[in-house]
Amino acid sequence: MIVLASLGHGMKARVAWKEGMSFLGESGSGHAVLMDGPPEAGGQNLGPRPMEMLLLGTGGCAAFDVVLILKKGRQDIHGCEVEIEAERAPGEPRVFTRIHFHFVLRGKQLGSEQVERAIRLSAEKYCSASIMLGKTAKLTHDFEIVEAGETSQTQ
């Protein structure tokens, strides 16, 4: 018997099948997202695939951490984007085997050492999603800083 109350820092979600191969996900915080399968599997391409949602959630988790860490470090950050590329295992289960995160940060005089530290802290300590996915996938990170009036520099 599983007692949900004993889970401590619990989280709830609900996923309901709608039609074809589309599913409506509802978060415990009251938000909804429609997921769908590819047409070759009976979907109508009405929303992201469930595995795409994992990547989106992981990117959101990592970006949240990086922005929060940089803000707490009094960095003048104006923007943060994460471009994510992933590879999956060829056979079932088709887990992620490699995920690369490319952060594009915008701001005034952002320090590359502070950005690198924020990304490292997110990857190694704070981002629960990427730490979980790191159990099956090799995770890599790089970044570029875009200063107003200058070109980007990749690290």
Protein backbone atom coordinates (compact mmCIF):
# COMPACT_ATOMS: atom_id res chain seq x y z
CA MET A 1 0.00 0.00 0.00
CA ILE A 2 1.35 3.41 -0.98
CA VAL A 3 0.49 6.34 1.26
CA LEU A 4 0.87 9.58 -0.69
CA ALA A 5 0.81 11.69 2.46
CA SER A 6 4.16 10.22 3.52
CA LEU A 7 5.95 11.50 0.42
CA GLY A 8 6.76 14.82 2.07
CA HIS A 9 7.46 17.25 -0.76
CA GLY A 10 4.82 15.79 -3.01
CA MET A 11 3.59 16.99 -6.34
CA LYS A 12 0.47 16.00 -8.21
CA ALA A 13 -0.53 15.98 -11.84
CA ARG A 14 -3.30 14.48 -13.93
CA VAL A 15 -3.21 13.30 -17.54
CA ALA A 16 -6.44 12.51 -19.38
CA TRP A 17 -6.80 10.93 -22.82
CA LYS A 18 -8.83 13.24 -25.05
CA GLU A 19 -9.09 11.77 -28.56
CA GLY A 20 -6.89 10.02 -31.07
CA MET A 21 -3.50 10.09 -29.36
CA SER A 22 -3.86 13.45 -27.60
CA PHE A 23 -3.67 13.80 -23.83
CA LEU A 24 -4.42 16.78 -21.61
CA GLY A 25 -1.93 17.21 -18.78
CA GLU A 26 -3.02 19.24 -15.77
CA SER A 27 -0.52 20.34 -13.16
CA GLY A 28 -1.21 20.53 -9.45
CA SER A 29 -0.66 24.29 -9.72
CA GLY A 30 -3.64 24.59 -12.07
CA HIS A 31 -2.06 24.77 -15.54
CA ALA A 32 -2.85 22.60 -18.54
CA VAL A 33 -0.97 21.50 -21.63
CA LEU A 34 -2.13 19.38 -24.54
CA MET A 35 0.29 16.66 -25.65
CA ASP A 36 -0.10 14.66 -28.84
CA GLY A 37 1.63 11.91 -30.73
CA PRO A 38 3.07 12.05 -34.22
CA PRO A 39 0.69 11.41 -37.14
CA GLU A 40 2.39 8.08 -37.91
CA ALA A 41 1.32 6.88 -34.44
CA GLY A 42 -2.27 8.15 -34.73
CA GLY A 43 -1.69 11.68 -33.43
CA GLN A 44 -2.78 14.91 -35.04
CA ASN A 45 0.27 17.01 -34.06
CA LEU A 46 -1.89 19.15 -31.74
CA GLY A 47 0.81 19.62 -29.13
CA PRO A 48 4.30 18.61 -28.06
CA ARG A 49 5.18 14.95 -27.68
CA PRO A 50 5.53 13.70 -24.09
CA MET A 51 9.31 13.27 -24.50
CA GLU A 52 9.52 16.84 -25.84
CA MET A 53 7.75 17.92 -22.65
CA LEU A 54 10.56 16.30 -20.65
CA LEU A 55 13.11 18.38 -22.55
CA LEU A 56 11.03 21.54 -22.17
CA GLY A 57 10.64 20.96 -18.45
CA THR A 58 14.33 20.28 -18.02
CA GLY A 59 15.27 23.41 -19.96
CA GLY A 60 12.83 25.44 -17.87
CA CYS A 61 14.25 24.00 -14.66
CA ALA A 62 17.85 24.75 -15.68
CA ALA A 63 17.06 28.27 -16.95
CA PHE A 64 15.13 29.04 -13.75
CA ASP A 65 18.15 28.06 -11.65
CA VAL A 66 20.66 29.97 -13.78
CA VAL A 67 18.61 33.18 -13.78
CA LEU A 68 17.95 32.94 -10.02
CA ILE A 69 21.63 32.30 -9.21
CA LEU A 70 22.79 35.17 -11.42
CA LYS A 71 20.20 37.55 -9.96
CA LYS A 72 21.24 36.58 -6.42
CA GLY A 73 24.82 37.26 -7.49
CA ARG A 74 23.74 40.77 -8.52
CA GLN A 75 24.45 40.18 -12.20
CA ASP A 76 22.61 42.53 -14.59
CA ILE A 77 20.85 39.76 -16.57
CA HIS A 78 18.21 40.72 -19.14
CA GLY A 79 17.58 37.45 -20.98
CA CYS A 80 18.21 33.73 -20.87
CA GLU A 81 17.49 31.13 -23.53
CA VAL A 82 18.42 27.47 -23.51
CA GLU A 83 18.73 25.57 -26.78
CA ILE A 84 18.56 21.84 -26.13
CA GLU A 85 19.56 18.99 -28.42
CA ALA A 86 19.02 15.41 -27.40
CA GLU A 87 19.66 11.93 -28.72
CA ARG A 88 17.63 8.88 -27.79
CA ALA A 89 18.45 5.19 -27.62
CA PRO A 90 17.61 3.39 -30.88
CA GLY A 91 15.59 0.64 -29.16
CA GLU A 92 12.96 0.49 -26.44
CA PRO A 93 12.97 2.04 -23.97
CA ARG A 94 14.03 5.04 -26.04
CA VAL A 95 15.61 6.93 -23.17
CA PHE A 96 17.68 10.04 -23.72
CA THR A 97 21.34 9.07 -24.12
CA ARG A 98 22.85 12.51 -24.76
CA ILE A 99 21.54 15.99 -24.01
CA HIS A 100 23.36 19.23 -24.79
CA PHE A 101 22.29 22.55 -23.25
CA HIS A 102 23.41 25.75 -24.96
CA PHE A 103 22.64 28.81 -22.82
CA VAL A 104 22.39 32.24 -24.46
CA LEU A 105 22.51 34.92 -21.78
CA ARG A 106 21.93 38.62 -22.34
CA GLY A 107 22.81 41.40 -20.00
CA LYS A 108 25.22 44.16 -19.07
CA GLN A 109 28.73 43.04 -18.18
CA LEU A 110 27.74 39.50 -17.28
CA GLY A 111 30.79 37.71 -15.92
CA SER A 112 31.66 34.50 -17.73
CA GLU A 113 32.93 32.98 -14.46
CA GLN A 114 29.62 33.75 -12.75
CA VAL A 115 27.64 32.35 -15.70
CA GLU A 116 29.76 29.18 -15.74
CA ARG A 117 29.31 28.80 -11.98
CA ALA A 118 25.52 29.27 -12.22
CA ILE A 119 25.25 26.62 -14.96
CA ARG A 120 27.46 24.22 -12.97
CA LEU A 121 25.42 24.72 -9.78
CA SER A 122 22.19 24.12 -11.69
CA ALA A 123 23.56 20.98 -13.36
CA GLU A 124 25.19 19.48 -10.27
CA LYS A 125 23.03 20.64 -7.37
CA TYR A 126 19.73 22.36 -8.10
CA CYS A 127 18.05 21.20 -11.33
CA SER A 128 16.20 18.06 -10.28
CA ALA A 129 15.06 17.38 -13.85
CA SER A 130 18.52 17.39 -15.44
CA ILE A 131 20.02 15.46 -12.52
CA MET A 132 17.38 12.74 -13.05
CA LEU A 133 17.93 12.65 -16.82
CA GLY A 134 21.66 12.49 -16.16
CA LYS A 135 21.11 8.95 -14.87
CA THR A 136 20.64 7.74 -18.47
CA ALA A 137 22.06 10.55 -20.59
CA LYS A 138 25.42 12.25 -20.91
CA LEU A 139 24.74 15.91 -20.22
CA THR A 140 26.90 18.68 -21.66
CA HIS A 141 26.62 22.45 -21.36
CA ASP A 142 28.03 25.52 -23.01
CA PHE A 143 27.05 29.16 -23.14
CA GLU A 144 27.41 32.45 -24.89
CA ILE A 145 27.04 35.92 -23.46
CA VAL A 146 25.47 38.66 -25.55
CA GLU A 147 26.39 42.18 -24.45
CA ALA A 148 24.48 45.15 -25.84
CA GLY A 149 26.40 46.40 -28.89
CA GLU A 150 28.76 43.40 -29.08
CA THR A 151 28.77 40.03 -30.78
CA SER A 152 28.35 36.83 -28.78
CA GLN A 153 31.25 34.86 -27.36
CA THR A 154 30.87 31.09 -27.05
CA GLN A 155 32.41 29.24 -24.08
